[in-house]
Amino acid sequence: MEARQGMFWEIQAGRMPPPPAAVTLGWELVHADPEAGTIEVAFEAGERFLNPAGVIQGGFLAAMLDDTLGPALVATLPPGRFASTLALTVQFLRPARPGRLHGHGQVVKRGREICFLSGTLTDADGRIVATATATARLQTL
């Protein structure tokens, strides 16, 4: 089987450091299927992400969804290409508690420059805590 190439795969192979934001969020690849344009990732939501109500602050959940949807697309790209998020819309469905959260993302439609993405963030019990859609722009590095 031919080794995959591109920034996403270089990071996964340890040949490039992971982005600092992904490290902060406790990002971990669970499974990627570039042919299907899908990805499953996990995050470790720590106590440092809590708001005054004792649940994960929504901005962190939005960042986790952005760091789910973007990699679903970036994993499909050849070397020298990247995708920037142009718009991210998040719906918060229930409070998220500290612990492991799972992101499920997919490329809904990929155009020559503009792509549409969607995904969910679930808690350890499999309940959806937030959903998102995004628009991304393909670009050359």
N, C-alpha and C. Protein backbone atom coordinates (compact mmCIF):
# COMPACT_ATOMS: atom_id res chain seq x y z
N MET A 1 0.84 -1.18 0.00
CA MET A 1 0.00 0.00 0.00
C MET A 1 0.89 1.24 0.00
N GLU A 2 0.59 2.18 -0.86
CA GLU A 2 1.37 3.40 -0.99
C GLU A 2 1.11 4.31 0.21
N ALA A 3 2.19 4.88 0.76
CA ALA A 3 2.06 5.79 1.89
C ALA A 3 1.38 7.08 1.43
N ARG A 4 0.49 7.58 2.23
CA ARG A 4 -0.19 8.83 1.93
C ARG A 4 0.77 9.99 2.13
N GLN A 5 0.56 11.04 1.34
CA GLN A 5 1.41 12.21 1.44
C GLN A 5 0.54 13.44 1.68
N GLY A 6 1.19 14.49 2.16
CA GLY A 6 0.50 15.73 2.46
C GLY A 6 0.68 16.07 3.92
N MET A 7 0.40 17.33 4.25
CA MET A 7 0.63 17.84 5.60
C MET A 7 -0.05 16.99 6.68
N PHE A 8 -1.31 16.66 6.48
CA PHE A 8 -2.05 15.86 7.47
C PHE A 8 -1.32 14.57 7.78
N TRP A 9 -0.89 13.87 6.72
CA TRP A 9 -0.25 12.56 6.89
C TRP A 9 1.17 12.69 7.44
N GLU A 10 1.85 13.79 7.13
CA GLU A 10 3.18 14.04 7.69
C GLU A 10 3.09 14.20 9.21
N ILE A 11 2.07 14.90 9.66
CA ILE A 11 1.85 15.09 11.11
C ILE A 11 1.53 13.75 11.75
N GLN A 12 0.65 12.96 11.13
CA GLN A 12 0.27 11.66 11.69
C GLN A 12 1.45 10.71 11.79
N ALA A 13 2.38 10.82 10.85
CA ALA A 13 3.57 9.96 10.85
C ALA A 13 4.67 10.47 11.78
N GLY A 14 4.45 11.65 12.37
CA GLY A 14 5.45 12.20 13.29
C GLY A 14 6.59 12.93 12.60
N ARG A 15 6.45 13.18 11.30
CA ARG A 15 7.51 13.89 10.57
C ARG A 15 7.35 15.41 10.65
N MET A 16 6.19 15.85 11.12
CA MET A 16 5.92 17.27 11.38
C MET A 16 5.25 17.35 12.74
N PRO A 17 5.50 18.43 13.49
CA PRO A 17 4.82 18.55 14.78
C PRO A 17 3.34 18.87 14.59
N PRO A 18 2.51 18.42 15.52
CA PRO A 18 1.09 18.76 15.41
C PRO A 18 0.88 20.25 15.69
N PRO A 19 -0.18 20.82 15.16
CA PRO A 19 -0.46 22.23 15.43
C PRO A 19 -0.69 22.46 16.93
N PRO A 20 -0.20 23.58 17.46
CA PRO A 20 -0.38 23.85 18.89
C PRO A 20 -1.85 23.83 19.34
N ALA A 21 -2.76 24.30 18.49
CA ALA A 21 -4.18 24.28 18.86
C ALA A 21 -4.68 22.86 19.07
N ALA A 22 -4.24 21.94 18.21
CA ALA A 22 -4.64 20.54 18.34
C ALA A 22 -4.10 19.94 19.63
N VAL A 23 -2.88 20.31 19.98
CA VAL A 23 -2.28 19.83 21.23
C VAL A 23 -3.09 20.34 22.41
N THR A 24 -3.44 21.62 22.39
CA THR A 24 -4.23 22.22 23.48
C THR A 24 -5.56 21.50 23.66
N LEU A 25 -6.19 21.13 22.54
CA LEU A 25 -7.50 20.47 22.59
C LEU A 25 -7.40 18.97 22.89
N GLY A 26 -6.18 18.43 22.93
CA GLY A 26 -6.02 16.99 23.16
C GLY A 26 -6.47 16.17 21.97
N TRP A 27 -6.25 16.69 20.75
CA TRP A 27 -6.69 16.07 19.50
C TRP A 27 -5.99 14.74 19.27
N GLU A 28 -6.77 13.74 18.85
CA GLU A 28 -6.24 12.41 18.53
C GLU A 28 -7.00 11.84 17.34
N LEU A 29 -6.28 11.35 16.35
CA LEU A 29 -6.93 10.70 15.21
C LEU A 29 -7.40 9.31 15.62
N VAL A 30 -8.67 9.02 15.38
CA VAL A 30 -9.22 7.69 15.62
C VAL A 30 -9.28 6.93 14.29
N HIS A 31 -9.84 7.57 13.26
CA HIS A 31 -9.93 6.93 11.95
C HIS A 31 -10.17 7.99 10.89
N ALA A 32 -9.53 7.84 9.76
CA ALA A 32 -9.76 8.71 8.61
C ALA A 32 -9.97 7.86 7.37
N ASP A 33 -10.95 8.24 6.57
CA ASP A 33 -11.21 7.58 5.30
C ASP A 33 -11.23 8.66 4.22
N PRO A 34 -10.06 8.98 3.66
CA PRO A 34 -9.99 10.06 2.67
C PRO A 34 -10.85 9.83 1.43
N GLU A 35 -11.01 8.59 1.02
CA GLU A 35 -11.84 8.31 -0.15
C GLU A 35 -13.30 8.70 0.11
N ALA A 36 -13.77 8.45 1.31
CA ALA A 36 -15.14 8.81 1.68
C ALA A 36 -15.24 10.23 2.20
N GLY A 37 -14.09 10.86 2.49
CA GLY A 37 -14.10 12.22 3.03
C GLY A 37 -14.63 12.27 4.45
N THR A 38 -14.34 11.23 5.24
CA THR A 38 -14.82 11.19 6.62
C THR A 38 -13.65 11.04 7.59
N ILE A 39 -13.92 11.44 8.82
CA ILE A 39 -12.90 11.34 9.85
C ILE A 39 -13.57 11.17 11.20
N GLU A 40 -12.89 10.47 12.10
CA GLU A 40 -13.29 10.41 13.50
C GLU A 40 -12.06 10.77 14.31
N VAL A 41 -12.24 11.74 15.20
CA VAL A 41 -11.16 12.17 16.07
C VAL A 41 -11.67 12.19 17.50
N ALA A 42 -10.75 12.30 18.44
CA ALA A 42 -11.13 12.40 19.85
C ALA A 42 -10.41 13.60 20.45
N PHE A 43 -11.00 14.15 21.48
CA PHE A 43 -10.44 15.27 22.22
C PHE A 43 -10.48 14.95 23.70
N GLU A 44 -9.53 15.47 24.43
CA GLU A 44 -9.54 15.32 25.89
C GLU A 44 -9.89 16.68 26.48
N ALA A 45 -11.15 16.82 26.86
CA ALA A 45 -11.66 18.09 27.40
C ALA A 45 -11.36 18.15 28.89
N GLY A 46 -10.38 18.94 29.24
CA GLY A 46 -9.94 19.04 30.62
C GLY A 46 -10.67 20.10 31.43
N GLU A 47 -10.39 20.12 32.70
CA GLU A 47 -10.99 21.08 33.63
C GLU A 47 -10.69 22.52 33.21
N ARG A 48 -9.58 22.74 32.54
CA ARG A 48 -9.21 24.10 32.13
C ARG A 48 -10.16 24.66 31.07
N PHE A 49 -11.05 23.83 30.51
CA PHE A 49 -12.01 24.27 29.50
C PHE A 49 -13.36 24.67 30.10
N LEU A 50 -13.49 24.58 31.43
CA LEU A 50 -14.79 24.82 32.07
C LEU A 50 -15.16 26.30 32.12
N ASN A 51 -16.46 26.55 32.00
CA ASN A 51 -16.99 27.90 32.21
C ASN A 51 -17.50 27.98 33.66
N PRO A 52 -18.02 29.12 34.08
CA PRO A 52 -18.49 29.24 35.48
C PRO A 52 -19.60 28.26 35.87
N ALA A 53 -20.33 27.74 34.89
CA ALA A 53 -21.41 26.77 35.18
C ALA A 53 -20.87 25.35 35.36
N GLY A 54 -19.56 25.16 35.14
CA GLY A 54 -18.96 23.84 35.35
C GLY A 54 -19.04 22.92 34.15
N VAL A 55 -19.35 23.45 32.97
CA VAL A 55 -19.39 22.67 31.74
C VAL A 55 -18.38 23.27 30.75
N ILE A 56 -18.08 22.51 29.69
CA ILE A 56 -17.10 22.97 28.71
C ILE A 56 -17.64 24.23 28.01
N GLN A 57 -16.83 25.27 27.99
CA GLN A 57 -17.19 26.54 27.38
C GLN A 57 -17.40 26.33 25.88
N GLY A 58 -18.43 26.95 25.31
CA GLY A 58 -18.81 26.74 23.92
C GLY A 58 -17.72 27.03 22.90
N GLY A 59 -16.85 27.98 23.19
CA GLY A 59 -15.77 28.28 22.26
C GLY A 59 -14.83 27.10 22.07
N PHE A 60 -14.61 26.33 23.13
CA PHE A 60 -13.77 25.13 23.01
C PHE A 60 -14.48 24.07 22.17
N LEU A 61 -15.80 23.94 22.35
CA LEU A 61 -16.55 22.97 21.54
C LEU A 61 -16.51 23.37 20.07
N ALA A 62 -16.63 24.66 19.79
CA ALA A 62 -16.55 25.15 18.42
C ALA A 62 -15.17 24.86 17.83
N ALA A 63 -14.12 25.09 18.63
CA ALA A 63 -12.76 24.81 18.16
C ALA A 63 -12.59 23.32 17.87
N MET A 64 -13.17 22.47 18.71
CA MET A 64 -13.08 21.02 18.48
C MET A 64 -13.79 20.64 17.18
N LEU A 65 -14.93 21.23 16.93
CA LEU A 65 -15.64 20.94 15.68
C LEU A 65 -14.85 21.45 14.48
N ASP A 66 -14.26 22.63 14.58
CA ASP A 66 -13.43 23.14 13.50
C ASP A 66 -12.24 22.23 13.26
N ASP A 67 -11.69 21.67 14.35
CA ASP A 67 -10.55 20.76 14.26
C ASP A 67 -10.97 19.33 13.95
N THR A 68 -12.24 19.14 13.69
CA THR A 68 -12.77 17.87 13.16
C THR A 68 -13.06 18.03 11.68
N LEU A 69 -13.78 19.08 11.34
CA LEU A 69 -14.21 19.29 9.96
C LEU A 69 -13.02 19.59 9.04
N GLY A 70 -12.13 20.46 9.47
CA GLY A 70 -10.97 20.80 8.65
C GLY A 70 -10.13 19.58 8.29
N PRO A 71 -9.74 18.77 9.27
CA PRO A 71 -8.96 17.57 8.94
C PRO A 71 -9.69 16.56 8.06
N ALA A 72 -11.02 16.51 8.12
CA ALA A 72 -11.75 15.62 7.21
C ALA A 72 -11.43 15.98 5.77
N LEU A 73 -11.30 17.28 5.50
CA LEU A 73 -10.97 17.75 4.15
C LEU A 73 -9.47 17.68 3.89
N VAL A 74 -8.66 18.17 4.83
CA VAL A 74 -7.21 18.23 4.63
C VAL A 74 -6.62 16.84 4.41
N ALA A 75 -7.20 15.81 5.02
CA ALA A 75 -6.70 14.44 4.83
C ALA A 75 -6.85 13.97 3.40
N THR A 76 -7.70 14.63 2.61
CA THR A 76 -7.92 14.24 1.21
C THR A 76 -7.01 14.99 0.24
N LEU A 77 -6.26 15.97 0.74
CA LEU A 77 -5.51 16.86 -0.15
C LEU A 77 -4.11 16.36 -0.45
N PRO A 78 -3.59 16.68 -1.63
CA PRO A 78 -2.22 16.31 -1.98
C PRO A 78 -1.23 17.26 -1.30
N PRO A 79 0.05 16.92 -1.34
CA PRO A 79 1.06 17.82 -0.77
C PRO A 79 0.97 19.22 -1.39
N GLY A 80 1.22 20.23 -0.56
CA GLY A 80 1.22 21.60 -1.03
C GLY A 80 -0.13 22.27 -1.05
N ARG A 81 -1.17 21.56 -0.61
CA ARG A 81 -2.52 22.14 -0.56
C ARG A 81 -3.00 22.17 0.88
N PHE A 82 -3.86 23.14 1.18
CA PHE A 82 -4.42 23.31 2.52
C PHE A 82 -5.83 23.85 2.36
N ALA A 83 -6.60 23.83 3.43
CA ALA A 83 -7.95 24.38 3.42
C ALA A 83 -8.12 25.31 4.60
N SER A 84 -8.64 26.49 4.34
CA SER A 84 -8.94 27.46 5.39
C SER A 84 -10.44 27.53 5.61
N THR A 85 -10.85 27.58 6.86
CA THR A 85 -12.27 27.71 7.18
C THR A 85 -12.72 29.13 6.88
N LEU A 86 -13.74 29.26 6.06
CA LEU A 86 -14.33 30.57 5.76
C LEU A 86 -15.49 30.88 6.68
N ALA A 87 -16.27 29.86 7.03
CA ALA A 87 -17.43 30.04 7.91
C ALA A 87 -17.64 28.76 8.70
N LEU A 88 -18.02 28.94 9.96
CA LEU A 88 -18.32 27.81 10.84
C LEU A 88 -19.58 28.15 11.61
N THR A 89 -20.59 27.30 11.49
CA THR A 89 -21.84 27.49 12.22
C THR A 89 -22.01 26.32 13.18
N VAL A 90 -22.16 26.64 14.46
CA VAL A 90 -22.24 25.61 15.50
C VAL A 90 -23.59 25.68 16.20
N GLN A 91 -24.16 24.52 16.45
CA GLN A 91 -25.38 24.42 17.25
C GLN A 91 -25.03 23.62 18.51
N PHE A 92 -25.23 24.23 19.66
CA PHE A 92 -24.95 23.58 20.95
C PHE A 92 -26.23 22.91 21.42
N LEU A 93 -26.19 21.59 21.60
CA LEU A 93 -27.40 20.83 21.89
C LEU A 93 -27.55 20.44 23.36
N ARG A 94 -26.43 20.22 24.05
CA ARG A 94 -26.48 19.87 25.47
C ARG A 94 -25.13 20.21 26.08
N PRO A 95 -25.10 20.37 27.41
CA PRO A 95 -23.82 20.67 28.06
C PRO A 95 -22.83 19.52 27.89
N ALA A 96 -21.57 19.87 27.74
CA ALA A 96 -20.51 18.88 27.64
C ALA A 96 -19.69 18.93 28.92
N ARG A 97 -19.39 17.79 29.45
CA ARG A 97 -18.62 17.66 30.69
C ARG A 97 -17.17 17.32 30.35
N PRO A 98 -16.26 17.55 31.29
CA PRO A 98 -14.86 17.17 31.04
C PRO A 98 -14.74 15.68 30.74
N GLY A 99 -13.78 15.35 29.92
CA GLY A 99 -13.55 13.95 29.54
C GLY A 99 -13.34 13.84 28.05
N ARG A 100 -13.46 12.64 27.57
CA ARG A 100 -13.21 12.36 26.15
C ARG A 100 -14.43 12.69 25.32
N LEU A 101 -14.24 13.50 24.28
CA LEU A 101 -15.29 13.83 23.33
C LEU A 101 -14.85 13.33 21.96
N HIS A 102 -15.83 12.92 21.14
CA HIS A 102 -15.52 12.39 19.81
C HIS A 102 -16.08 13.31 18.74
N GLY A 103 -15.24 13.63 17.77
CA GLY A 103 -15.67 14.41 16.62
C GLY A 103 -15.82 13.52 15.41
N HIS A 104 -16.92 13.68 14.70
CA HIS A 104 -17.20 12.92 13.48
C HIS A 104 -17.42 13.96 12.38
N GLY A 105 -16.58 13.96 11.36
CA GLY A 105 -16.69 14.96 10.30
C GLY A 105 -16.76 14.33 8.93
N GLN A 106 -17.34 15.09 8.00
CA GLN A 106 -17.41 14.61 6.62
C GLN A 106 -17.38 15.77 5.65
N VAL A 107 -16.81 15.49 4.49
CA VAL A 107 -16.85 16.42 3.37
C VAL A 107 -18.17 16.18 2.67
N VAL A 108 -19.04 17.18 2.68
CA VAL A 108 -20.36 17.05 2.06
C VAL A 108 -20.27 17.28 0.55
N LYS A 109 -19.53 18.32 0.15
CA LYS A 109 -19.36 18.61 -1.28
C LYS A 109 -18.01 19.31 -1.43
N ARG A 110 -17.24 18.83 -2.41
CA ARG A 110 -15.93 19.42 -2.67
C ARG A 110 -15.93 20.00 -4.08
N GLY A 111 -15.73 21.31 -4.14
CA GLY A 111 -15.61 21.98 -5.43
C GLY A 111 -14.14 22.23 -5.74
N ARG A 112 -13.87 22.98 -6.80
CA ARG A 112 -12.49 23.29 -7.16
C ARG A 112 -11.81 24.18 -6.12
N GLU A 113 -12.57 25.11 -5.54
CA GLU A 113 -12.01 26.01 -4.53
C GLU A 113 -12.78 26.00 -3.21
N ILE A 114 -14.09 25.82 -3.27
CA ILE A 114 -14.94 25.90 -2.08
C ILE A 114 -15.49 24.52 -1.76
N CYS A 115 -15.46 24.20 -0.45
CA CYS A 115 -15.94 22.89 0.02
C CYS A 115 -16.91 23.09 1.18
N PHE A 116 -17.83 22.16 1.33
CA PHE A 116 -18.82 22.20 2.40
C PHE A 116 -18.63 20.97 3.28
N LEU A 117 -18.65 21.20 4.58
CA LEU A 117 -18.34 20.17 5.56
C LEU A 117 -19.43 20.13 6.63
N SER A 118 -19.57 18.98 7.30
CA SER A 118 -20.50 18.89 8.43
C SER A 118 -19.96 17.89 9.43
N GLY A 119 -20.46 18.01 10.67
CA GLY A 119 -20.01 17.07 11.68
C GLY A 119 -20.73 17.20 12.99
N THR A 120 -20.38 16.28 13.87
CA THR A 120 -20.97 16.25 15.21
C THR A 120 -19.87 16.04 16.25
N LEU A 121 -20.19 16.42 17.45
CA LEU A 121 -19.32 16.20 18.60
C LEU A 121 -20.15 15.45 19.63
N THR A 122 -19.68 14.27 20.05
CA THR A 122 -20.44 13.45 20.98
C THR A 122 -19.66 13.26 22.28
N ASP A 123 -20.41 13.01 23.35
CA ASP A 123 -19.77 12.77 24.65
C ASP A 123 -19.44 11.28 24.80
N ALA A 124 -18.91 10.92 25.95
CA ALA A 124 -18.48 9.54 26.19
C ALA A 124 -19.64 8.54 26.11
N ASP A 125 -20.87 9.02 26.31
CA ASP A 125 -22.05 8.16 26.22
C ASP A 125 -22.64 8.12 24.81
N GLY A 126 -21.99 8.79 23.86
CA GLY A 126 -22.48 8.79 22.49
C GLY A 126 -23.56 9.81 22.20
N ARG A 127 -23.86 10.68 23.17
CA ARG A 127 -24.88 11.71 22.96
C ARG A 127 -24.27 12.90 22.22
N ILE A 128 -24.99 13.43 21.25
CA ILE A 128 -24.50 14.58 20.51
C ILE A 128 -24.58 15.82 21.40
N VAL A 129 -23.44 16.49 21.57
CA VAL A 129 -23.42 17.73 22.37
C VAL A 129 -23.43 18.96 21.48
N ALA A 130 -22.94 18.83 20.24
CA ALA A 130 -22.94 19.96 19.31
C ALA A 130 -22.80 19.44 17.89
N THR A 131 -23.32 20.23 16.95
CA THR A 131 -23.16 19.93 15.53
C THR A 131 -22.61 21.18 14.85
N ALA A 132 -22.06 21.00 13.66
CA ALA A 132 -21.53 22.15 12.93
C ALA A 132 -21.56 21.89 11.44
N THR A 133 -21.63 23.00 10.70
CA THR A 133 -21.39 22.99 9.27
C THR A 133 -20.31 24.04 9.02
N ALA A 134 -19.55 23.82 7.96
CA ALA A 134 -18.48 24.77 7.64
C ALA A 134 -18.33 24.89 6.13
N THR A 135 -17.81 26.03 5.74
CA THR A 135 -17.40 26.28 4.37
C THR A 135 -15.90 26.51 4.41
N ALA A 136 -15.17 25.86 3.54
CA ALA A 136 -13.71 25.99 3.51
C ALA A 136 -13.25 26.32 2.10
N ARG A 137 -12.11 26.97 2.03
CA ARG A 137 -11.51 27.34 0.74
C ARG A 137 -10.20 26.60 0.58
N LEU A 138 -10.06 25.90 -0.55
CA LEU A 138 -8.80 25.22 -0.85
C LEU A 138 -7.78 26.25 -1.32
N GLN A 139 -6.53 26.06 -0.91
CA GLN A 139 -5.48 26.98 -1.30
C GLN A 139 -4.16 26.25 -1.41
N THR A 140 -3.23 26.86 -2.09
CA THR A 140 -1.88 26.33 -2.22
C THR A 140 -1.01 26.94 -1.13
N LEU A 141 -0.18 26.12 -0.51
CA LEU A 141 0.71 26.62 0.55
C LEU A 141 1.85 27.42 -0.04
